[in-house]
């Protein structure tokens, strides 16, 4: 039996529920600022991806290794999520939530992806992703020097923001070095390389919002938005002055946007 997904809850369980799934290598604590704001109106549950934690007890408990098979990961997250709820996923978490929302829509009131392309690595069908060569170089760095690879990734995703140095420091301070699980980084990257949710995004039959930062240094935002597969219940937005983590760069704007969208798309 795999270690269950680590979660943390904010707010009143009687309120409408939101389930937040973070990106590659980032602990759920990245969502603390927005979770506290959202908890005024919602019951907010944060999840960690397998093997990612700031808790030494959870770090020790993961004896069997983190499982990043997309279907096994989906089932783990579904078990951990309130039912029913709104799913919000950031970056890799957004890809996973779109996958789940398309295939198990009975568990999902609606889905919101943040800074999340349907495919991360470029291919013939998705040329605007990270080049295979750049990705492989990064993958090798993470395998050989996990802490250095993570640091490089965090500084890259802070580029283009108003204060990249401060944001890199905030992101780097979230994950204690001694609790980094190299296997979780490698397996998460392997999923990021292969996962393609273009078909799933096109098939979404719940309200779905896709939020991008115009200054995102990891995604070609304009190209991704123009190529994003469409569906009848879709809304796509770009936030002009923000980058890859809009919920950290401007929490109040992000929370106002999310609250408005959920309220406008909740049918009693």
Protein backbone atom coordinates (compact mmCIF):
# COMPACT_ATOMS: atom_id res chain seq x y z
CA UNK A 1 0.00 0.00 0.00
CA UNK A 2 1.40 3.38 -1.02
CA UNK A 3 1.76 6.16 1.50
CA UNK A 4 -1.44 8.24 1.25
CA UNK A 5 -1.38 11.79 -0.09
CA UNK A 6 -0.44 14.32 2.60
CA UNK A 7 -3.10 17.02 2.99
CA UNK A 8 -3.83 20.10 5.09
CA UNK A 9 -7.18 21.86 5.50
CA UNK A 10 -8.25 25.47 6.08
CA UNK A 11 -11.71 26.89 6.77
CA UNK A 12 -15.14 25.48 7.55
CA UNK A 13 -16.01 22.04 6.07
CA UNK A 14 -19.59 23.29 5.60
CA UNK A 15 -18.38 25.76 2.97
CA UNK A 16 -17.95 24.83 -0.72
CA UNK A 17 -14.73 22.83 -1.07
CA UNK A 18 -11.56 23.56 -3.06
CA UNK A 19 -8.71 21.09 -3.56
CA UNK A 20 -5.30 22.57 -4.47
CA UNK A 21 -2.57 20.51 -6.19
CA UNK A 22 0.94 22.03 -6.50
CA UNK A 23 3.54 21.82 -9.25
CA UNK A 24 6.68 19.73 -9.61
CA UNK A 25 8.85 19.52 -6.46
CA UNK A 26 6.89 22.21 -4.61
CA UNK A 27 5.27 21.49 -1.23
CA UNK A 28 1.65 22.41 -0.47
CA UNK A 29 2.96 25.26 1.72
CA UNK A 30 3.41 27.27 -1.49
CA UNK A 31 -0.39 27.76 -1.33
CA UNK A 32 -0.56 28.94 2.31
CA UNK A 33 -1.08 32.67 1.53
CA UNK A 34 -4.00 32.04 -0.84
CA UNK A 35 -5.43 29.16 1.22
CA UNK A 36 -5.82 31.48 4.20
CA UNK A 37 -7.59 34.09 2.07
CA UNK A 38 -9.79 31.54 0.28
CA UNK A 39 -10.74 29.90 3.59
CA UNK A 40 -12.89 32.92 4.44
CA UNK A 41 -15.42 31.66 1.87
CA UNK A 42 -14.37 28.08 1.12
CA UNK A 43 -13.20 24.87 2.75
CA UNK A 44 -9.68 24.59 1.31
CA UNK A 45 -7.68 21.35 1.22
CA UNK A 46 -4.05 21.40 0.06
CA UNK A 47 -2.29 18.28 -1.22
CA UNK A 48 1.34 17.30 -1.63
CA UNK A 49 2.47 15.35 -4.65
CA UNK A 50 4.09 12.01 -3.63
CA UNK A 51 7.47 12.30 -1.94
CA UNK A 52 7.28 16.09 -1.53
CA UNK A 53 6.98 17.26 2.07
CA UNK A 54 8.33 19.65 4.70
CA UNK A 55 7.39 17.20 7.47
CA UNK A 56 10.15 14.79 8.63
CA UNK A 57 7.53 12.21 9.69
CA UNK A 58 5.99 12.11 6.20
CA UNK A 59 9.47 11.98 4.69
CA UNK A 60 10.25 8.83 6.69
CA UNK A 61 6.83 7.27 6.08
CA UNK A 62 7.24 7.07 2.29
CA UNK A 63 8.98 3.68 2.42
CA UNK A 64 7.82 2.38 -0.97
CA UNK A 65 8.93 5.31 -3.10
CA UNK A 66 6.72 7.97 -4.68
CA UNK A 67 4.35 6.69 -7.38
CA UNK A 68 4.01 9.02 -10.38
CA UNK A 69 2.11 6.67 -12.68
CA UNK A 70 -0.64 9.06 -13.83
CA UNK A 71 -3.54 6.70 -13.11
CA UNK A 72 -2.22 5.64 -9.70
CA UNK A 73 -1.53 9.30 -8.85
CA UNK A 74 -5.04 10.26 -9.97
CA UNK A 75 -6.61 7.65 -7.70
CA UNK A 76 -4.48 8.78 -4.75
CA UNK A 77 -5.53 12.40 -5.23
CA UNK A 78 -9.20 11.52 -5.70
CA UNK A 79 -9.11 9.62 -2.40
CA UNK A 80 -7.56 12.65 -0.67
CA UNK A 81 -9.92 15.29 -2.12
CA UNK A 82 -13.19 16.50 -0.55
CA UNK A 83 -16.23 15.29 -2.49
CA UNK A 84 -17.42 17.00 -4.50
CA UNK A 85 -15.08 19.98 -4.87
CA UNK A 86 -13.41 22.45 -7.18
CA UNK A 87 -9.95 21.29 -8.27
CA UNK A 88 -7.19 23.90 -8.71
CA UNK A 89 -3.82 22.73 -10.05
CA UNK A 90 -0.65 24.67 -10.66
CA UNK A 91 1.84 23.76 -13.43
CA UNK A 92 2.26 19.94 -13.30
CA UNK A 93 -0.62 19.92 -10.79
CA UNK A 94 -2.78 21.66 -13.40
CA UNK A 95 -2.02 18.97 -15.98
CA UNK A 96 -2.95 16.27 -13.46
CA UNK A 97 -6.18 18.01 -12.41
CA UNK A 98 -7.25 18.39 -16.05
CA UNK A 99 -6.57 14.68 -16.54
CA UNK A 100 -8.69 13.79 -13.52
CA UNK A 101 -11.50 16.25 -14.32
CA UNK A 102 -11.84 14.84 -17.83
CA UNK A 103 -11.90 11.19 -16.76
CA UNK A 104 -13.63 11.35 -13.37
CA UNK A 105 -15.87 14.38 -13.70
CA UNK A 106 -18.33 13.06 -11.09
CA UNK A 107 -15.68 13.98 -8.45
CA UNK A 108 -15.21 17.50 -9.81
CA UNK A 109 -17.45 20.59 -9.64
CA UNK A 110 -15.07 22.49 -11.88
CA UNK A 111 -11.37 22.73 -12.65
CA UNK A 112 -8.94 25.66 -12.63
CA UNK A 113 -5.43 25.25 -14.02
CA UNK A 114 -2.75 27.83 -13.26
CA UNK A 115 0.35 28.38 -15.44
CA UNK A 116 -0.21 24.95 -16.93
CA UNK A 117 0.22 23.95 -20.57
CA UNK A 118 -1.40 20.67 -21.67
CA UNK A 119 2.10 19.43 -22.57
CA UNK A 120 5.37 20.65 -21.06
CA UNK A 121 8.02 19.20 -23.40
CA UNK A 122 7.91 20.04 -27.11
CA UNK A 123 6.84 17.46 -29.69
CA UNK A 124 5.61 17.50 -33.29
CA UNK A 125 2.05 18.00 -32.11
CA UNK A 126 3.02 20.56 -29.43
CA UNK A 127 6.03 22.57 -30.71
CA UNK A 128 5.73 25.40 -28.15
CA UNK A 129 6.95 23.32 -25.18
CA UNK A 130 10.46 23.16 -23.69
CA UNK A 131 12.87 21.65 -26.22
CA UNK A 132 13.74 17.99 -25.70
CA UNK A 133 17.42 18.90 -25.53
CA UNK A 134 16.94 21.53 -22.79
CA UNK A 135 14.69 19.17 -20.89
CA UNK A 136 17.21 16.31 -21.04
CA UNK A 137 20.00 18.57 -19.79
CA UNK A 138 17.83 19.62 -16.87
CA UNK A 139 16.78 16.03 -16.16
CA UNK A 140 20.44 14.97 -15.99
CA UNK A 141 21.25 17.84 -13.62
CA UNK A 142 18.39 16.84 -11.29
CA UNK A 143 19.53 13.19 -11.33
CA UNK A 144 23.13 14.10 -10.57
CA UNK A 145 22.59 17.05 -8.20
CA UNK A 146 18.93 17.21 -7.03
CA UNK A 147 19.33 20.27 -4.81
CA UNK A 148 21.17 22.24 -7.49
CA UNK A 149 18.59 21.23 -10.13
CA UNK A 150 15.72 22.33 -7.92
CA UNK A 151 17.43 25.66 -7.20
CA UNK A 152 17.91 26.31 -10.91
CA UNK A 153 14.28 25.51 -11.65
CA UNK A 154 13.03 27.87 -8.94
CA UNK A 155 15.18 30.77 -10.14
CA UNK A 156 14.02 30.14 -13.72
CA UNK A 157 10.35 30.24 -12.85
CA UNK A 158 10.82 33.51 -10.94
CA UNK A 159 12.30 35.27 -13.99
CA UNK A 160 10.14 37.97 -15.50
CA UNK A 161 8.37 38.74 -12.22
CA UNK A 162 8.51 42.11 -10.46
CA UNK A 163 11.04 40.94 -7.86
CA UNK A 164 12.65 37.69 -9.06
CA UNK A 165 15.28 37.63 -6.31
CA UNK A 166 12.71 37.86 -3.51
CA UNK A 167 10.43 35.31 -5.17
CA UNK A 168 13.30 32.84 -5.68
CA UNK A 169 14.18 33.25 -2.00
CA UNK A 170 10.55 32.60 -0.98
CA UNK A 171 10.27 29.50 -3.19
CA UNK A 172 13.67 28.14 -2.09
CA UNK A 173 12.79 28.64 1.58
CA UNK A 174 9.69 26.46 1.35
CA UNK A 175 11.43 23.09 0.98
CA UNK A 176 14.03 22.07 3.62
CA UNK A 177 17.11 20.71 1.81
CA UNK A 178 17.36 17.66 4.05
CA UNK A 179 13.80 16.61 3.14
CA UNK A 180 14.24 16.74 -0.64
CA UNK A 181 13.42 13.29 -2.04
CA UNK A 182 15.57 12.80 -5.20
CA UNK A 183 13.32 9.96 -6.37
CA UNK A 184 10.25 12.21 -6.20
CA UNK A 185 12.04 14.83 -8.32
CA UNK A 186 13.09 12.30 -10.96
CA UNK A 187 9.74 10.50 -11.14
CA UNK A 188 7.85 13.80 -11.22
CA UNK A 189 10.05 15.01 -14.09
CA UNK A 190 9.49 11.75 -15.97
CA UNK A 191 5.73 12.38 -15.74
CA UNK A 192 6.22 16.00 -16.82
CA UNK A 193 8.09 14.77 -19.90
CA UNK A 194 5.44 12.29 -21.07
CA UNK A 195 2.11 13.67 -19.89
CA UNK A 196 -0.06 15.13 -22.66
CA UNK A 197 -3.55 16.29 -21.65
CA UNK A 198 -4.56 18.01 -24.92
CA UNK A 199 -7.31 15.44 -25.49
CA UNK A 200 -8.47 15.68 -21.87
CA UNK A 201 -8.73 19.50 -22.01
CA UNK A 202 -10.85 19.25 -25.16
CA UNK A 203 -13.18 16.75 -23.43
CA UNK A 204 -13.71 18.68 -20.16
CA UNK A 205 -17.44 18.83 -19.39
CA UNK A 206 -17.24 20.85 -16.18
CA UNK A 207 -16.59 24.61 -15.94
CA UNK A 208 -12.88 25.02 -16.64
CA UNK A 209 -10.70 28.10 -16.22
CA UNK A 210 -7.09 28.25 -17.45
CA UNK A 211 -5.10 31.10 -15.90
CA UNK A 212 -1.71 32.15 -17.27
CA UNK A 213 0.83 34.82 -16.35
CA UNK A 214 1.84 36.92 -19.35
CA UNK A 215 5.39 37.20 -17.92
CA UNK A 216 5.80 33.43 -17.39
CA UNK A 217 9.39 32.44 -18.22
CA UNK A 218 8.64 28.69 -18.34
CA UNK A 219 5.73 28.85 -20.79
CA UNK A 220 5.28 30.72 -24.08
CA UNK A 221 2.02 32.09 -22.73
CA UNK A 222 0.61 33.66 -25.92
CA UNK A 223 1.42 30.54 -27.99
CA UNK A 224 0.05 28.16 -25.36
CA UNK A 225 -3.19 30.16 -25.06
CA UNK A 226 -3.71 30.21 -28.83
CA UNK A 227 -3.04 26.46 -29.16
CA UNK A 228 -4.98 25.35 -26.07
CA UNK A 229 -7.66 22.83 -27.11
CA UNK A 230 -11.11 24.32 -26.54
CA UNK A 231 -14.34 23.01 -25.04
CA UNK A 232 -17.78 24.59 -24.57
CA UNK A 233 -17.32 25.40 -20.84
CA UNK A 234 -13.83 26.90 -21.13
CA UNK A 235 -12.48 30.29 -20.02
CA UNK A 236 -8.86 31.30 -20.69
CA UNK A 237 -7.24 34.32 -19.00
CA UNK A 238 -3.82 35.98 -19.03
CA UNK A 239 -2.69 38.14 -16.08
CA UNK A 240 -0.63 40.97 -17.58
CA UNK A 241 2.04 41.65 -14.94
CA UNK A 242 2.41 38.17 -13.42
CA UNK A 243 4.60 35.13 -14.11
CA UNK A 244 4.56 31.42 -13.33
CA UNK A 245 3.14 31.66 -9.79
CA UNK A 246 0.44 34.37 -9.81
CA UNK A 247 -0.99 33.12 -6.49
CA UNK A 248 2.30 34.10 -4.77
CA UNK A 249 3.01 37.23 -6.81
CA UNK A 250 -0.42 38.82 -6.19
CA UNK A 251 -2.48 36.68 -3.77
CA UNK A 252 -5.38 39.13 -3.44
CA UNK A 253 -5.86 39.45 -7.23
CA UNK A 254 -5.66 35.69 -7.62
CA UNK A 255 -8.16 35.00 -4.81
CA UNK A 256 -10.61 37.60 -6.17
CA UNK A 257 -10.42 35.97 -9.62
CA UNK A 258 -10.90 32.43 -8.28
CA UNK A 259 -13.74 33.43 -5.95
CA UNK A 260 -15.58 35.29 -8.72
CA UNK A 261 -15.18 32.41 -11.18
CA UNK A 262 -16.38 29.75 -8.74
CA UNK A 263 -19.35 31.87 -7.63
CA UNK A 264 -20.31 32.58 -11.26
CA UNK A 265 -20.12 28.86 -12.13
CA UNK A 266 -21.80 27.33 -9.10
CA UNK A 267 -25.29 26.15 -9.91
CA UNK A 268 -27.59 25.46 -6.98
